[in-house]
Amino acid sequence: MKKIINDFVIVVDGNFSNQRYIIKEHSRSKSQAIKRAHKLSTLYPASEILVEHWLLITSHNFIKSGFYKGKVLNITQEAAA
């Protein structure tokens, strides 16, 4: 049986993968992550804000298990306005 867990990581001025960022937050839904990213864009107007979609896929077949990076959304102050 395959199980998929969605995780949306919101990072300000950086990248979750290289661990160089100002703020990192997690969300389980895309809409909540985008709403939070828009709020952060008002607090940090000159910063780049990314929403990274990560999937944790587990299964009995070990070869198919692991983390997979999905779409990355870039939230800017102009897009939030």
PDB file of N, CA and C in Angstrom:
ATOM      1  N   MET A   1       0.838  -1.181   0.000  1.00  0.00           N
ATOM      2  CA  MET A   1       0.000   0.000   0.000  1.00  0.00           C
ATOM      3  C   MET A   1       0.882   1.243   0.000  1.00  0.00           C
ATOM      4  N   LYS A   2       0.555   2.190  -0.840  1.00  0.00           N
ATOM      5  CA  LYS A   2       1.331   3.419  -0.964  1.00  0.00           C
ATOM      6  C   LYS A   2       0.626   4.542  -0.223  1.00  0.00           C
ATOM      7  N   LYS A   3       1.395   5.319   0.555  1.00  0.00           N
ATOM      8  CA  LYS A   3       0.852   6.452   1.292  1.00  0.00           C
ATOM      9  C   LYS A   3       1.634   7.701   0.900  1.00  0.00           C
ATOM     10  N   ILE A   4       0.910   8.801   0.611  1.00  0.00           N
ATOM     11  CA  ILE A   4       1.535  10.049   0.201  1.00  0.00           C
ATOM     12  C   ILE A   4       1.197  11.127   1.221  1.00  0.00           C
ATOM     13  N   ILE A   5       2.216  11.798   1.744  1.00  0.00           N
ATOM     14  CA  ILE A   5       2.041  12.900   2.683  1.00  0.00           C
ATOM     15  C   ILE A   5       2.565  14.163   2.022  1.00  0.00           C
ATOM     16  N   ASN A   6       1.711  15.187   1.929  1.00  0.00           N
ATOM     17  CA  ASN A   6       2.103  16.468   1.341  1.00  0.00           C
ATOM     18  C   ASN A   6       2.643  17.386   2.422  1.00  0.00           C
ATOM     19  N   ASP A   7       3.723  18.075   2.119  1.00  0.00           N
ATOM     20  CA  ASP A   7       4.282  19.071   3.023  1.00  0.00           C
ATOM     21  C   ASP A   7       4.664  20.285   2.185  1.00  0.00           C
ATOM     22  N   PHE A   8       4.156  21.438   2.567  1.00  0.00           N
ATOM     23  CA  PHE A   8       4.486  22.682   1.888  1.00  0.00           C
ATOM     24  C   PHE A   8       5.386  23.485   2.812  1.00  0.00           C
ATOM     25  N   VAL A   9       6.589  23.773   2.364  1.00  0.00           N
ATOM     26  CA  VAL A   9       7.570  24.494   3.165  1.00  0.00           C
ATOM     27  C   VAL A   9       7.645  25.925   2.648  1.00  0.00           C
ATOM     28  N   ILE A  10       7.437  26.891   3.553  1.00  0.00           N
ATOM     29  CA  ILE A  10       7.498  28.307   3.215  1.00  0.00           C
ATOM     30  C   ILE A  10       8.820  28.839   3.741  1.00  0.00           C
ATOM     31  N   VAL A  11       9.654  29.381   2.860  1.00  0.00           N
ATOM     32  CA  VAL A  11      10.955  29.920   3.273  1.00  0.00           C
ATOM     33  C   VAL A  11      11.082  31.365   2.799  1.00  0.00           C
ATOM     34  N   VAL A  12      11.683  32.191   3.653  1.00  0.00           N
ATOM     35  CA  VAL A  12      11.917  33.596   3.341  1.00  0.00           C
ATOM     36  C   VAL A  12      13.405  33.781   3.104  1.00  0.00           C
ATOM     37  N   ASP A  13      13.743  34.355   1.955  1.00  0.00           N
ATOM     38  CA  ASP A  13      15.131  34.640   1.569  1.00  0.00           C
ATOM     39  C   ASP A  13      16.026  33.414   1.647  1.00  0.00           C
ATOM     40  N   GLY A  14      15.687  32.423   0.905  1.00  0.00           N
ATOM     41  CA  GLY A  14      16.563  31.265   0.900  1.00  0.00           C
ATOM     42  C   GLY A  14      15.944  30.069   0.240  1.00  0.00           C
ATOM     43  N   ASN A  15      16.455  28.922   0.623  1.00  0.00           N
ATOM     44  CA  ASN A  15      16.059  27.664   0.038  1.00  0.00           C
ATOM     45  C   ASN A  15      16.057  26.619   1.143  1.00  0.00           C
ATOM     46  N   PHE A  16      15.000  25.850   1.239  1.00  0.00           N
ATOM     47  CA  PHE A  16      14.885  24.822   2.272  1.00  0.00           C
ATOM     48  C   PHE A  16      16.002  23.792   2.152  1.00  0.00           C
ATOM     49  N   SER A  17      16.374  23.467   0.938  1.00  0.00           N
ATOM     50  CA  SER A  17      17.366  22.417   0.713  1.00  0.00           C
ATOM     51  C   SER A  17      18.747  22.773   1.246  1.00  0.00           C
ATOM     52  N   ASN A  18      19.176  24.035   1.044  1.00  0.00           N
ATOM     53  CA  ASN A  18      20.525  24.394   1.489  1.00  0.00           C
ATOM     54  C   ASN A  18      20.548  24.987   2.895  1.00  0.00           C
ATOM     55  N   GLN A  19      19.389  25.075   3.546  1.00  0.00           N
ATOM     56  CA  GLN A  19      19.252  25.521   4.931  1.00  0.00           C
ATOM     57  C   GLN A  19      19.797  26.922   5.170  1.00  0.00           C
ATOM     58  N   ARG A  20      19.687  27.787   4.193  1.00  0.00           N
ATOM     59  CA  ARG A  20      20.066  29.199   4.345  1.00  0.00           C
ATOM     60  C   ARG A  20      18.823  30.038   4.111  1.00  0.00           C
ATOM     61  N   TYR A  21      18.172  30.431   5.198  1.00  0.00           N
ATOM     62  CA  TYR A  21      16.935  31.186   5.099  1.00  0.00           C
ATOM     63  C   TYR A  21      16.730  31.983   6.380  1.00  0.00           C
ATOM     64  N   ILE A  22      15.811  32.956   6.333  1.00  0.00           N
ATOM     65  CA  ILE A  22      15.468  33.752   7.510  1.00  0.00           C
ATOM     66  C   ILE A  22      14.402  33.036   8.330  1.00  0.00           C
ATOM     67  N   ILE A  23      13.341  32.617   7.664  1.00  0.00           N
ATOM     68  CA  ILE A  23      12.213  31.951   8.317  1.00  0.00           C
ATOM     69  C   ILE A  23      11.842  30.710   7.513  1.00  0.00           C
ATOM     70  N   LYS A  24      11.470  29.654   8.235  1.00  0.00           N
ATOM     71  CA  LYS A  24      10.954  28.444   7.592  1.00  0.00           C
ATOM     72  C   LYS A  24       9.710  28.005   8.346  1.00  0.00           C
ATOM     73  N   GLU A  25       8.618  27.770   7.625  1.00  0.00           N
ATOM     74  CA  GLU A  25       7.372  27.294   8.210  1.00  0.00           C
ATOM     75  C   GLU A  25       6.831  26.150   7.358  1.00  0.00           C
ATOM     76  N   HIS A  26       5.994  25.329   7.965  1.00  0.00           N
ATOM     77  CA  HIS A  26       5.392  24.196   7.269  1.00  0.00           C
ATOM     78  C   HIS A  26       3.882  24.341   7.221  1.00  0.00           C
ATOM     79  N   SER A  27       3.293  23.778   6.185  1.00  0.00           N
ATOM     80  CA  SER A  27       1.839  23.743   6.036  1.00  0.00           C
ATOM     81  C   SER A  27       1.477  22.430   5.358  1.00  0.00           C
ATOM     82  N   ARG A  28       0.303  21.933   5.646  1.00  0.00           N
ATOM     83  CA  ARG A  28      -0.154  20.684   5.032  1.00  0.00           C
ATOM     84  C   ARG A  28      -1.032  20.902   3.805  1.00  0.00           C
ATOM     85  N   SER A  29      -1.447  22.156   3.556  1.00  0.00           N
ATOM     86  CA  SER A  29      -2.261  22.408   2.363  1.00  0.00           C
ATOM     87  C   SER A  29      -1.666  23.558   1.556  1.00  0.00           C
ATOM     88  N   LYS A  30      -1.883  23.486   0.261  1.00  0.00           N
ATOM     89  CA  LYS A  30      -1.334  24.491  -0.647  1.00  0.00           C
ATOM     90  C   LYS A  30      -1.961  25.856  -0.398  1.00  0.00           C
ATOM     91  N   SER A  31      -3.271  25.905  -0.180  1.00  0.00           N
ATOM     92  CA  SER A  31      -3.934  27.193   0.019  1.00  0.00           C
ATOM     93  C   SER A  31      -3.472  27.884   1.302  1.00  0.00           C
ATOM     94  N   GLN A  32      -3.300  27.126   2.386  1.00  0.00           N
ATOM     95  CA  GLN A  32      -2.796  27.713   3.627  1.00  0.00           C
ATOM     96  C   GLN A  32      -1.361  28.199   3.466  1.00  0.00           C
ATOM     97  N   ALA A  33      -0.561  27.461   2.735  1.00  0.00           N
ATOM     98  CA  ALA A  33       0.827  27.862   2.509  1.00  0.00           C
ATOM     99  C   ALA A  33       0.897  29.164   1.712  1.00  0.00           C
ATOM    100  N   ILE A  34       0.065  29.297   0.703  1.00  0.00           N
ATOM    101  CA  ILE A  34       0.064  30.515  -0.113  1.00  0.00           C
ATOM    102  C   ILE A  34      -0.434  31.702   0.695  1.00  0.00           C
ATOM    103  N   LYS A  35      -1.474  31.502   1.509  1.00  0.00           N
ATOM    104  CA  LYS A  35      -1.962  32.584   2.368  1.00  0.00           C
ATOM    105  C   LYS A  35      -0.884  33.056   3.328  1.00  0.00           C
ATOM    106  N   ARG A  36      -0.176  32.108   3.942  1.00  0.00           N
ATOM    107  CA  ARG A  36       0.895  32.475   4.879  1.00  0.00           C
ATOM    108  C   ARG A  36       2.037  33.161   4.154  1.00  0.00           C
ATOM    109  N   ALA A  37       2.355  32.722   2.956  1.00  0.00           N
ATOM    110  CA  ALA A  37       3.415  33.354   2.165  1.00  0.00           C
ATOM    111  C   ALA A  37       3.059  34.795   1.828  1.00  0.00           C
ATOM    112  N   HIS A  38       1.800  35.054   1.527  1.00  0.00           N
ATOM    113  CA  HIS A  38       1.363  36.426   1.249  1.00  0.00           C
ATOM    114  C   HIS A  38       1.499  37.307   2.487  1.00  0.00           C
ATOM    115  N   LYS A  39       1.161  36.767   3.662  1.00  0.00           N
ATOM    116  CA  LYS A  39       1.328  37.525   4.908  1.00  0.00           C
ATOM    117  C   LYS A  39       2.805  37.813   5.171  1.00  0.00           C
ATOM    118  N   LEU A  40       3.647  36.828   4.937  1.00  0.00           N
ATOM    119  CA  LEU A  40       5.086  37.033   5.135  1.00  0.00           C
ATOM    120  C   LEU A  40       5.652  38.041   4.138  1.00  0.00           C
ATOM    121  N   SER A  41       5.067  38.103   2.947  1.00  0.00           N
ATOM    122  CA  SER A  41       5.557  39.058   1.951  1.00  0.00           C
ATOM    123  C   SER A  41       5.290  40.498   2.379  1.00  0.00           C
ATOM    124  N   THR A  42       4.253  40.718   3.189  1.00  0.00           N
ATOM    125  CA  THR A  42       4.016  42.073   3.703  1.00  0.00           C
ATOM    126  C   THR A  42       4.988  42.410   4.829  1.00  0.00           C
ATOM    127  N   LEU A  43       5.409  41.394   5.582  1.00  0.00           N
ATOM    128  CA  LEU A  43       6.394  41.615   6.657  1.00  0.00           C
ATOM    129  C   LEU A  43       7.812  41.770   6.119  1.00  0.00           C
ATOM    130  N   TYR A  44       8.118  41.090   5.033  1.00  0.00           N
ATOM    131  CA  TYR A  44       9.443  41.120   4.404  1.00  0.00           C
ATOM    132  C   TYR A  44       9.300  41.492   2.931  1.00  0.00           C
ATOM    133  N   PRO A  45       8.992  42.762   2.636  1.00  0.00           N
ATOM    134  CA  PRO A  45       8.675  43.146   1.244  1.00  0.00           C
ATOM    135  C   PRO A  45       9.862  43.028   0.283  1.00  0.00           C
ATOM    136  N   ALA A  46      11.078  43.135   0.770  1.00  0.00           N
ATOM    137  CA  ALA A  46      12.242  43.073  -0.120  1.00  0.00           C
ATOM    138  C   ALA A  46      12.811  41.662  -0.234  1.00  0.00           C
ATOM    139  N   SER A  47      12.167  40.705   0.387  1.00  0.00           N
ATOM    140  CA  SER A  47      12.690  39.339   0.414  1.00  0.00           C
ATOM    141  C   SER A  47      11.957  38.434  -0.570  1.00  0.00           C
ATOM    142  N   GLU A  48      12.662  37.425  -1.015  1.00  0.00           N
ATOM    143  CA  GLU A  48      12.059  36.408  -1.869  1.00  0.00           C
ATOM    144  C   GLU A  48      11.424  35.348  -0.976  1.00  0.00           C
ATOM    145  N   ILE A  49      10.200  34.977  -1.285  1.00  0.00           N
ATOM    146  CA  ILE A  49       9.496  33.972  -0.497  1.00  0.00           C
ATOM    147  C   ILE A  49       9.124  32.816  -1.417  1.00  0.00           C
ATOM    148  N   LEU A  50       9.545  31.621  -1.019  1.00  0.00           N
ATOM    149  CA  LEU A  50       9.279  30.431  -1.806  1.00  0.00           C
ATOM    150  C   LEU A  50       8.365  29.495  -1.046  1.00  0.00           C
ATOM    151  N   VAL A  51       7.481  28.838  -1.769  1.00  0.00           N
ATOM    152  CA  VAL A  51       6.671  27.757  -1.221  1.00  0.00           C
ATOM    153  C   VAL A  51       7.097  26.504  -1.974  1.00  0.00           C
ATOM    154  N   GLU A  52       7.745  25.595  -1.257  1.00  0.00           N
ATOM    155  CA  GLU A  52       8.226  24.356  -1.869  1.00  0.00           C
ATOM    156  C   GLU A  52       7.275  23.222  -1.502  1.00  0.00           C
ATOM    157  N   HIS A  53       6.854  22.477  -2.498  1.00  0.00           N
ATOM    158  CA  HIS A  53       5.953  21.345  -2.286  1.00  0.00           C
ATOM    159  C   HIS A  53       6.800  20.078  -2.220  1.00  0.00           C
ATOM    160  N   TRP A  54       6.736  19.397  -1.078  1.00  0.00           N
ATOM    161  CA  TRP A  54       7.463  18.146  -0.888  1.00  0.00           C
ATOM    162  C   TRP A  54       6.468  17.018  -0.671  1.00  0.00           C
ATOM    163  N   LEU A  55       6.774  15.880  -1.218  1.00  0.00           N
ATOM    164  CA  LEU A  55       5.945  14.685  -1.063  1.00  0.00           C
ATOM    165  C   LEU A  55       6.766  13.617  -0.347  1.00  0.00           C
ATOM    166  N   LEU A  56       6.201  13.034   0.684  1.00  0.00           N
ATOM    167  CA  LEU A  56       6.803  11.865   1.312  1.00  0.00           C
ATOM    168  C   LEU A  56       5.968  10.679   0.878  1.00  0.00           C
ATOM    169  N   ILE A  57       6.584   9.805   0.135  1.00  0.00           N
ATOM    170  CA  ILE A  57       5.878   8.639  -0.381  1.00  0.00           C
ATOM    171  C   ILE A  57       6.446   7.406   0.309  1.00  0.00           C
ATOM    172  N   THR A  58       5.578   6.674   0.970  1.00  0.00           N
ATOM    173  CA  THR A  58       5.998   5.442   1.624  1.00  0.00           C
ATOM    174  C   THR A  58       5.237   4.278   1.012  1.00  0.00           C
ATOM    175  N   SER A  59       5.911   3.167   0.938  1.00  0.00           N
ATOM    176  CA  SER A  59       5.253   1.973   0.433  1.00  0.00           C
ATOM    177  C   SER A  59       5.999   0.759   0.967  1.00  0.00           C
ATOM    178  N   HIS A  60       5.389  -0.387   0.804  1.00  0.00           N
ATOM    179  CA  HIS A  60       6.045  -1.622   1.226  1.00  0.00           C
ATOM    180  C   HIS A  60       7.242  -1.925   0.330  1.00  0.00           C
ATOM    181  N   ASN A  61       7.207  -1.412  -0.869  1.00  0.00           N
ATOM    182  CA  ASN A  61       8.323  -1.583  -1.790  1.00  0.00           C
ATOM    183  C   ASN A  61       9.318  -0.450  -1.530  1.00  0.00           C
ATOM    184  N   PHE A  62      10.416  -0.722  -0.886  1.00  0.00           N
ATOM    185  CA  PHE A  62      11.374   0.295  -0.438  1.00  0.00           C
ATOM    186  C   PHE A  62      11.887   1.165  -1.579  1.00  0.00           C
ATOM    187  N   ILE A  63      11.987   0.640  -2.781  1.00  0.00           N
ATOM    188  CA  ILE A  63      12.526   1.406  -3.907  1.00  0.00           C
ATOM    189  C   ILE A  63      11.668   2.636  -4.198  1.00  0.00           C
ATOM    190  N   LYS A  64      10.376   2.577  -3.961  1.00  0.00           N
ATOM    191  CA  LYS A  64       9.488   3.690  -4.277  1.00  0.00           C
ATOM    192  C   LYS A  64       9.284   4.648  -3.114  1.00  0.00           C
ATOM    193  N   SER A  65       9.926   4.412  -1.977  1.00  0.00           N
ATOM    194  CA  SER A  65       9.757   5.278  -0.817  1.00  0.00           C
ATOM    195  C   SER A  65      10.751   6.431  -0.857  1.00  0.00           C
ATOM    196  N   GLY A  66      10.371   7.568  -0.243  1.00  0.00           N
ATOM    197  CA  GLY A  66      11.302   8.684  -0.130  1.00  0.00           C
ATOM    198  C   GLY A  66      10.640  10.022  -0.311  1.00  0.00           C
ATOM    199  N   PHE A  67      11.481  11.065  -0.232  1.00  0.00           N
ATOM    200  CA  PHE A  67      11.024  12.441  -0.430  1.00  0.00           C
ATOM    201  C   PHE A  67      11.179  12.818  -1.889  1.00  0.00           C
ATOM    202  N   TYR A  68      10.211  13.528  -2.399  1.00  0.00           N
ATOM    203  CA  TYR A  68      10.264  14.019  -3.768  1.00  0.00           C
ATOM    204  C   TYR A  68       9.855  15.480  -3.766  1.00  0.00           C
ATOM    205  N   LYS A  69      10.624  16.309  -4.442  1.00  0.00           N
ATOM    206  CA  LYS A  69      10.321  17.735  -4.513  1.00  0.00           C
ATOM    207  C   LYS A  69       9.393  17.991  -5.685  1.00  0.00           C
ATOM    208  N   GLY A  70       8.297  18.688  -5.385  1.00  0.00           N
ATOM    209  CA  GLY A  70       7.346  19.043  -6.426  1.00  0.00           C
ATOM    210  C   GLY A  70       7.550  20.471  -6.881  1.00  0.00           C
ATOM    211  N   LYS A  71       6.467  21.133  -7.190  1.00  0.00           N
ATOM    212  CA  LYS A  71       6.505  22.494  -7.721  1.00  0.00           C
ATOM    213  C   LYS A  71       6.952  23.497  -6.663  1.00  0.00           C
ATOM    214  N   VAL A  72       7.703  24.511  -7.102  1.00  0.00           N
ATOM    215  CA  VAL A  72       8.141  25.598  -6.230  1.00  0.00           C
ATOM    216  C   VAL A  72       7.445  26.871  -6.684  1.00  0.00           C
ATOM    217  N   LEU A  73       6.741  27.532  -5.757  1.00  0.00           N
ATOM    218  CA  LEU A  73       6.046  28.783  -6.059  1.00  0.00           C
ATOM    219  C   LEU A  73       6.845  29.935  -5.490  1.00  0.00           C
ATOM    220  N   ASN A  74       7.034  30.988  -6.281  1.00  0.00           N
ATOM    221  CA  ASN A  74       7.741  32.180  -5.841  1.00  0.00           C
ATOM    222  C   ASN A  74       6.703  33.260  -5.557  1.00  0.00           C
ATOM    223  N   ILE A  75       6.632  33.706  -4.291  1.00  0.00           N
ATOM    224  CA  ILE A  75       5.666  34.721  -3.888  1.00  0.00           C
ATOM    225  C   ILE A  75       6.379  36.048  -3.733  1.00  0.00           C
ATOM    226  N   THR A  76       5.926  37.058  -4.467  1.00  0.00           N
ATOM    227  CA  THR A  76       6.534  38.377  -4.369  1.00  0.00           C
ATOM    228  C   THR A  76       5.523  39.364  -3.817  1.00  0.00           C
ATOM    229  N   GLN A  77       5.995  40.523  -3.386  1.00  0.00           N
ATOM    230  CA  GLN A  77       5.117  41.549  -2.843  1.00  0.00           C
ATOM    231  C   GLN A  77       4.104  42.004  -3.879  1.00  0.00           C
ATOM    232  N   GLU A  78       4.500  42.106  -5.143  1.00  0.00           N
ATOM    233  CA  GLU A  78       3.582  42.541  -6.189  1.00  0.00           C
ATOM    234  C   GLU A  78       2.452  41.532  -6.371  1.00  0.00           C
ATOM    235  N   ALA A  79       2.786  40.239  -6.287  1.00  0.00           N
ATOM    236  CA  ALA A  79       1.772  39.210  -6.443  1.00  0.00           C
ATOM    237  C   ALA A  79       0.824  39.205  -5.250  1.00  0.00           C
ATOM    238  N   ALA A  80       1.312  39.609  -4.097  1.00  0.00           N
ATOM    239  CA  ALA A  80       0.478  39.611  -2.897  1.00  0.00           C
ATOM    240  C   ALA A  80      -0.492  40.795  -2.892  1.00  0.00           C
ATOM    241  N   ALA A  81      -0.168  41.856  -3.597  1.00  0.00           N
ATOM    242  CA  ALA A  81      -1.018  43.062  -3.574  1.00  0.00           C
ATOM    243  C   ALA A  81      -2.284  42.907  -4.377  1.00  0.00           C
TER     244      ALA A  81
END
